[in-house]
């Protein structure tokens, strides 16, 4: 189990490093103004709420008595 966790952390670190390296080679800075209105805000808020519900359900199923 410890070996699996070590491999997973190494893979996550390598992925993060590769992502940063690719992002830094972009021809432009990528800083633009986003056209975000109330609809965008509420969609983002709804997504965060849905993620919270999914995590709550996962915890309920994982912590139940067998």
Protein backbone atom coordinates (compact mmCIF):
# COMPACT_ATOMS: atom_id res chain seq x y z
CA UNK A 1 0.00 0.00 0.00
CA UNK A 2 2.87 2.35 0.86
CA UNK A 3 4.46 1.71 -2.54
CA UNK A 4 1.20 2.55 -4.30
CA UNK A 5 0.88 5.83 -2.41
CA UNK A 6 4.48 6.70 -3.26
CA UNK A 7 3.91 5.98 -6.94
CA UNK A 8 0.72 8.02 -6.95
CA UNK A 9 2.42 11.01 -5.34
CA UNK A 10 5.33 10.82 -7.80
CA UNK A 11 2.90 10.65 -10.72
CA UNK A 12 0.91 13.62 -9.42
CA UNK A 13 4.11 15.65 -8.97
CA UNK A 14 5.30 14.78 -12.48
CA UNK A 15 1.92 15.74 -13.95
CA UNK A 16 1.89 19.06 -12.10
CA UNK A 17 5.45 19.82 -13.21
CA UNK A 18 4.67 19.00 -16.84
CA UNK A 19 1.54 21.15 -16.74
CA UNK A 20 3.46 24.13 -15.37
CA UNK A 21 6.19 23.66 -17.97
CA UNK A 22 3.66 23.58 -20.82
CA UNK A 23 1.79 26.58 -19.47
CA UNK A 24 4.93 28.67 -19.18
CA UNK A 25 5.77 28.18 -22.88
CA UNK A 26 2.58 29.84 -24.11
CA UNK A 27 3.16 32.60 -26.70
CA UNK A 28 0.95 35.06 -24.84
CA UNK A 29 0.37 35.62 -21.18
CA UNK A 30 -3.21 34.35 -21.32
CA UNK A 31 -4.44 37.09 -19.04
CA UNK A 32 -7.74 38.28 -20.44
CA UNK A 33 -10.90 39.66 -18.99
CA UNK A 34 -13.61 37.05 -18.65
CA UNK A 35 -17.13 38.01 -19.61
CA UNK A 36 -18.71 36.68 -16.44
CA UNK A 37 -22.25 37.63 -15.59
CA UNK A 38 -24.64 36.44 -12.91
CA UNK A 39 -25.40 33.25 -14.87
CA UNK A 40 -21.74 32.24 -14.85
CA UNK A 41 -21.51 32.92 -11.13
CA UNK A 42 -24.59 30.83 -10.33
CA UNK A 43 -23.38 27.96 -12.54
CA UNK A 44 -20.07 27.98 -10.68
CA UNK A 45 -21.89 28.11 -7.35
CA UNK A 46 -24.13 25.23 -8.41
CA UNK A 47 -21.11 23.18 -9.45
CA UNK A 48 -19.49 23.71 -6.08
CA UNK A 49 -22.75 22.70 -4.38
CA UNK A 50 -23.06 19.57 -6.53
CA UNK A 51 -19.48 18.61 -5.72
CA UNK A 52 -20.26 19.04 -2.04
CA UNK A 53 -23.27 16.73 -2.33
CA UNK A 54 -21.20 14.09 -4.16
CA UNK A 55 -18.50 14.23 -1.49
CA UNK A 56 -21.10 14.00 1.28
CA UNK A 57 -22.67 10.93 -0.36
CA UNK A 58 -19.27 9.30 -0.78
CA UNK A 59 -18.50 9.83 2.90
CA UNK A 60 -21.89 8.43 3.89
CA UNK A 61 -21.33 5.26 1.86
CA UNK A 62 -17.74 4.81 2.96
CA UNK A 63 -18.47 5.25 6.68
CA UNK A 64 -21.54 3.04 6.89
CA UNK A 65 -21.56 -0.05 9.09
CA UNK A 66 -21.18 -3.32 7.25
